[in-house]
């Protein structure tokens, strides 16, 4: 599945299969394509990945990177699991979202086969 969002427009569509889910004997024999597949390969996940893209004018890349890095947990913290996590303060404590704000501003509709578009 592929989800994209830019401003008020978002879409959800079927994505291509990850190469790591396809038996190697079914992979292409083309050296250039093989090179592009293996370029981002990382064990144990293969070519599976998520990407987060920020597009804007005069955005503060340093602040964004620091904020995202600060949200990461160390391997030990992750391994400790919920018994540790539930002790952390809630960064969203007190945040209240009105139910009407959770509803799409425009109706979802199908276009182009599997793609759902919210505009």
C-alpha atoms as a PDB file:
ATOM      1  CA  UNK A   1       0.000   0.000   0.000  1.00  0.00           C
ATOM      2  CA  UNK A   2       1.210   3.485  -0.763  1.00  0.00           C
ATOM      3  CA  UNK A   3      -0.114   6.552   1.063  1.00  0.00           C
ATOM      4  CA  UNK A   4       0.764  10.081   0.047  1.00  0.00           C
ATOM      5  CA  UNK A   5      -0.312  13.430   1.401  1.00  0.00           C
ATOM      6  CA  UNK A   6       0.490  16.971   0.338  1.00  0.00           C
ATOM      7  CA  UNK A   7      -1.438  19.776   1.975  1.00  0.00           C
ATOM      8  CA  UNK A   8      -5.128  18.927   1.928  1.00  0.00           C
ATOM      9  CA  UNK A   9      -4.793  16.246  -0.760  1.00  0.00           C
ATOM     10  CA  UNK A  10      -4.043  12.645   0.127  1.00  0.00           C
ATOM     11  CA  UNK A  11      -4.215   9.327  -1.658  1.00  0.00           C
ATOM     12  CA  UNK A  12      -4.022   5.650  -0.827  1.00  0.00           C
ATOM     13  CA  UNK A  13      -3.231   3.163  -3.551  1.00  0.00           C
ATOM     14  CA  UNK A  14      -1.970  -0.338  -4.073  1.00  0.00           C
ATOM     15  CA  UNK A  15       1.804  -0.380  -4.350  1.00  0.00           C
ATOM     16  CA  UNK A  16       4.214  -2.719  -6.058  1.00  0.00           C
ATOM     17  CA  UNK A  17       5.433  -5.823  -4.245  1.00  0.00           C
ATOM     18  CA  UNK A  18       8.703  -5.638  -2.370  1.00  0.00           C
ATOM     19  CA  UNK A  19      11.418  -7.619  -4.103  1.00  0.00           C
ATOM     20  CA  UNK A  20      12.238  -9.341  -0.809  1.00  0.00           C
ATOM     21  CA  UNK A  21       8.844 -11.093  -1.023  1.00  0.00           C
ATOM     22  CA  UNK A  22       9.562 -12.509  -4.477  1.00  0.00           C
ATOM     23  CA  UNK A  23      11.734 -15.645  -4.843  1.00  0.00           C
ATOM     24  CA  UNK A  24      15.211 -14.715  -6.160  1.00  0.00           C
ATOM     25  CA  UNK A  25      14.830 -17.029  -9.151  1.00  0.00           C
ATOM     26  CA  UNK A  26      11.966 -14.777 -10.314  1.00  0.00           C
ATOM     27  CA  UNK A  27      14.015 -11.578 -10.076  1.00  0.00           C
ATOM     28  CA  UNK A  28      15.038  -9.783 -13.287  1.00  0.00           C
ATOM     29  CA  UNK A  29      18.347 -10.685 -14.903  1.00  0.00           C
ATOM     30  CA  UNK A  30      19.093  -7.096 -15.884  1.00  0.00           C
ATOM     31  CA  UNK A  31      22.232  -5.876 -14.055  1.00  0.00           C
ATOM     32  CA  UNK A  32      21.057  -2.247 -13.879  1.00  0.00           C
ATOM     33  CA  UNK A  33      17.706  -3.200 -12.355  1.00  0.00           C
ATOM     34  CA  UNK A  34      19.383  -5.604  -9.911  1.00  0.00           C
ATOM     35  CA  UNK A  35      21.728  -2.818  -8.860  1.00  0.00           C
ATOM     36  CA  UNK A  36      18.802  -0.477  -8.191  1.00  0.00           C
ATOM     37  CA  UNK A  37      17.012  -3.176  -6.155  1.00  0.00           C
ATOM     38  CA  UNK A  38      20.075  -3.843  -4.002  1.00  0.00           C
ATOM     39  CA  UNK A  39      21.008  -0.162  -3.627  1.00  0.00           C
ATOM     40  CA  UNK A  40      18.651   0.336  -0.669  1.00  0.00           C
ATOM     41  CA  UNK A  41      18.692  -3.297   0.530  1.00  0.00           C
ATOM     42  CA  UNK A  42      19.082  -3.645   4.274  1.00  0.00           C
ATOM     43  CA  UNK A  43      18.885  -6.901   6.189  1.00  0.00           C
ATOM     44  CA  UNK A  44      16.686  -8.246   7.642  1.00  0.00           C
ATOM     45  CA  UNK A  45      14.055  -6.121   5.857  1.00  0.00           C
ATOM     46  CA  UNK A  46      15.335  -6.239   2.293  1.00  0.00           C
ATOM     47  CA  UNK A  47      13.887  -3.427   0.200  1.00  0.00           C
ATOM     48  CA  UNK A  48      11.025  -2.637   2.588  1.00  0.00           C
ATOM     49  CA  UNK A  49      11.155   0.939   3.839  1.00  0.00           C
ATOM     50  CA  UNK A  50       9.165   3.994   4.740  1.00  0.00           C
ATOM     51  CA  UNK A  51       9.966   7.449   3.539  1.00  0.00           C
ATOM     52  CA  UNK A  52       9.016  10.756   5.077  1.00  0.00           C
ATOM     53  CA  UNK A  53       9.306  13.764   2.769  1.00  0.00           C
ATOM     54  CA  UNK A  54       8.999  17.410   3.739  1.00  0.00           C
ATOM     55  CA  UNK A  55       8.375  19.946   0.994  1.00  0.00           C
ATOM     56  CA  UNK A  56       8.211  23.629   1.719  1.00  0.00           C
ATOM     57  CA  UNK A  57       9.736  27.061   1.468  1.00  0.00           C
ATOM     58  CA  UNK A  58      12.278  28.119   4.109  1.00  0.00           C
ATOM     59  CA  UNK A  59      11.697  25.003   6.213  1.00  0.00           C
ATOM     60  CA  UNK A  60      14.162  24.426   9.024  1.00  0.00           C
ATOM     61  CA  UNK A  61      15.789  21.099   8.118  1.00  0.00           C
ATOM     62  CA  UNK A  62      17.969  21.069  11.247  1.00  0.00           C
ATOM     63  CA  UNK A  63      14.938  21.514  13.529  1.00  0.00           C
ATOM     64  CA  UNK A  64      12.989  18.809  11.676  1.00  0.00           C
ATOM     65  CA  UNK A  65      15.891  16.340  11.881  1.00  0.00           C
ATOM     66  CA  UNK A  66      16.468  17.064  15.586  1.00  0.00           C
ATOM     67  CA  UNK A  67      12.766  16.705  16.363  1.00  0.00           C
ATOM     68  CA  UNK A  68      12.550  13.366  14.561  1.00  0.00           C
ATOM     69  CA  UNK A  69      15.781  12.117  16.154  1.00  0.00           C
ATOM     70  CA  UNK A  70      14.419  13.071  19.587  1.00  0.00           C
ATOM     71  CA  UNK A  71      11.354  10.912  18.915  1.00  0.00           C
ATOM     72  CA  UNK A  72      13.447   7.760  18.397  1.00  0.00           C
ATOM     73  CA  UNK A  73      13.833   5.177  21.140  1.00  0.00           C
ATOM     74  CA  UNK A  74      17.098   3.363  21.829  1.00  0.00           C
ATOM     75  CA  UNK A  75      17.299  -0.385  21.232  1.00  0.00           C
ATOM     76  CA  UNK A  76      17.240  -0.976  25.001  1.00  0.00           C
ATOM     77  CA  UNK A  77      14.120   1.175  25.407  1.00  0.00           C
ATOM     78  CA  UNK A  78      12.388  -0.654  22.570  1.00  0.00           C
ATOM     79  CA  UNK A  79      13.325  -4.042  24.032  1.00  0.00           C
ATOM     80  CA  UNK A  80      11.985  -3.008  27.454  1.00  0.00           C
ATOM     81  CA  UNK A  81       8.545  -2.699  25.913  1.00  0.00           C
ATOM     82  CA  UNK A  82       5.334  -1.354  27.343  1.00  0.00           C
ATOM     83  CA  UNK A  83       6.420  -1.700  30.969  1.00  0.00           C
ATOM     84  CA  UNK A  84       8.871   1.145  30.347  1.00  0.00           C
ATOM     85  CA  UNK A  85       6.869   3.054  27.742  1.00  0.00           C
ATOM     86  CA  UNK A  86       3.833   3.533  29.994  1.00  0.00           C
ATOM     87  CA  UNK A  87       6.085   5.437  32.434  1.00  0.00           C
ATOM     88  CA  UNK A  88       6.865   8.144  29.891  1.00  0.00           C
ATOM     89  CA  UNK A  89       4.931  11.389  29.877  1.00  0.00           C
ATOM     90  CA  UNK A  90       2.300  11.788  27.185  1.00  0.00           C
ATOM     91  CA  UNK A  91       3.408  14.539  24.769  1.00  0.00           C
ATOM     92  CA  UNK A  92      -0.226  14.924  23.677  1.00  0.00           C
ATOM     93  CA  UNK A  93      -1.710  15.169  27.162  1.00  0.00           C
ATOM     94  CA  UNK A  94      -4.547  17.630  27.141  1.00  0.00           C
ATOM     95  CA  UNK A  95      -4.875  17.605  23.366  1.00  0.00           C
ATOM     96  CA  UNK A  96      -8.523  17.589  22.441  1.00  0.00           C
ATOM     97  CA  UNK A  97      -9.754  17.151  18.910  1.00  0.00           C
ATOM     98  CA  UNK A  98     -13.371  17.871  18.147  1.00  0.00           C
ATOM     99  CA  UNK A  99     -15.093  14.905  16.436  1.00  0.00           C
ATOM    100  CA  UNK A 100     -15.974  17.072  13.427  1.00  0.00           C
ATOM    101  CA  UNK A 101     -12.240  17.720  12.861  1.00  0.00           C
ATOM    102  CA  UNK A 102     -11.675  13.985  12.390  1.00  0.00           C
ATOM    103  CA  UNK A 103     -14.087  13.791   9.459  1.00  0.00           C
ATOM    104  CA  UNK A 104     -12.744  14.300   5.919  1.00  0.00           C
ATOM    105  CA  UNK A 105     -13.342  17.788   4.577  1.00  0.00           C
ATOM    106  CA  UNK A 106     -14.188  16.322   1.153  1.00  0.00           C
ATOM    107  CA  UNK A 107     -15.682  12.954   0.268  1.00  0.00           C
ATOM    108  CA  UNK A 108     -13.391  10.033  -0.532  1.00  0.00           C
ATOM    109  CA  UNK A 109     -13.836   8.705  -4.017  1.00  0.00           C
ATOM    110  CA  UNK A 110     -12.266   5.991  -6.152  1.00  0.00           C
ATOM    111  CA  UNK A 111     -10.282   6.944  -9.192  1.00  0.00           C
ATOM    112  CA  UNK A 112      -7.740   5.172 -11.341  1.00  0.00           C
ATOM    113  CA  UNK A 113      -8.414   1.613 -10.223  1.00  0.00           C
ATOM    114  CA  UNK A 114      -7.152   0.966  -6.705  1.00  0.00           C
ATOM    115  CA  UNK A 115      -6.396   4.593  -5.841  1.00  0.00           C
ATOM    116  CA  UNK A 116      -8.517   6.381  -3.237  1.00  0.00           C
ATOM    117  CA  UNK A 117      -8.234  10.140  -3.426  1.00  0.00           C
ATOM    118  CA  UNK A 118      -9.189  12.644  -0.748  1.00  0.00           C
ATOM    119  CA  UNK A 119      -9.029  16.153  -2.101  1.00  0.00           C
END
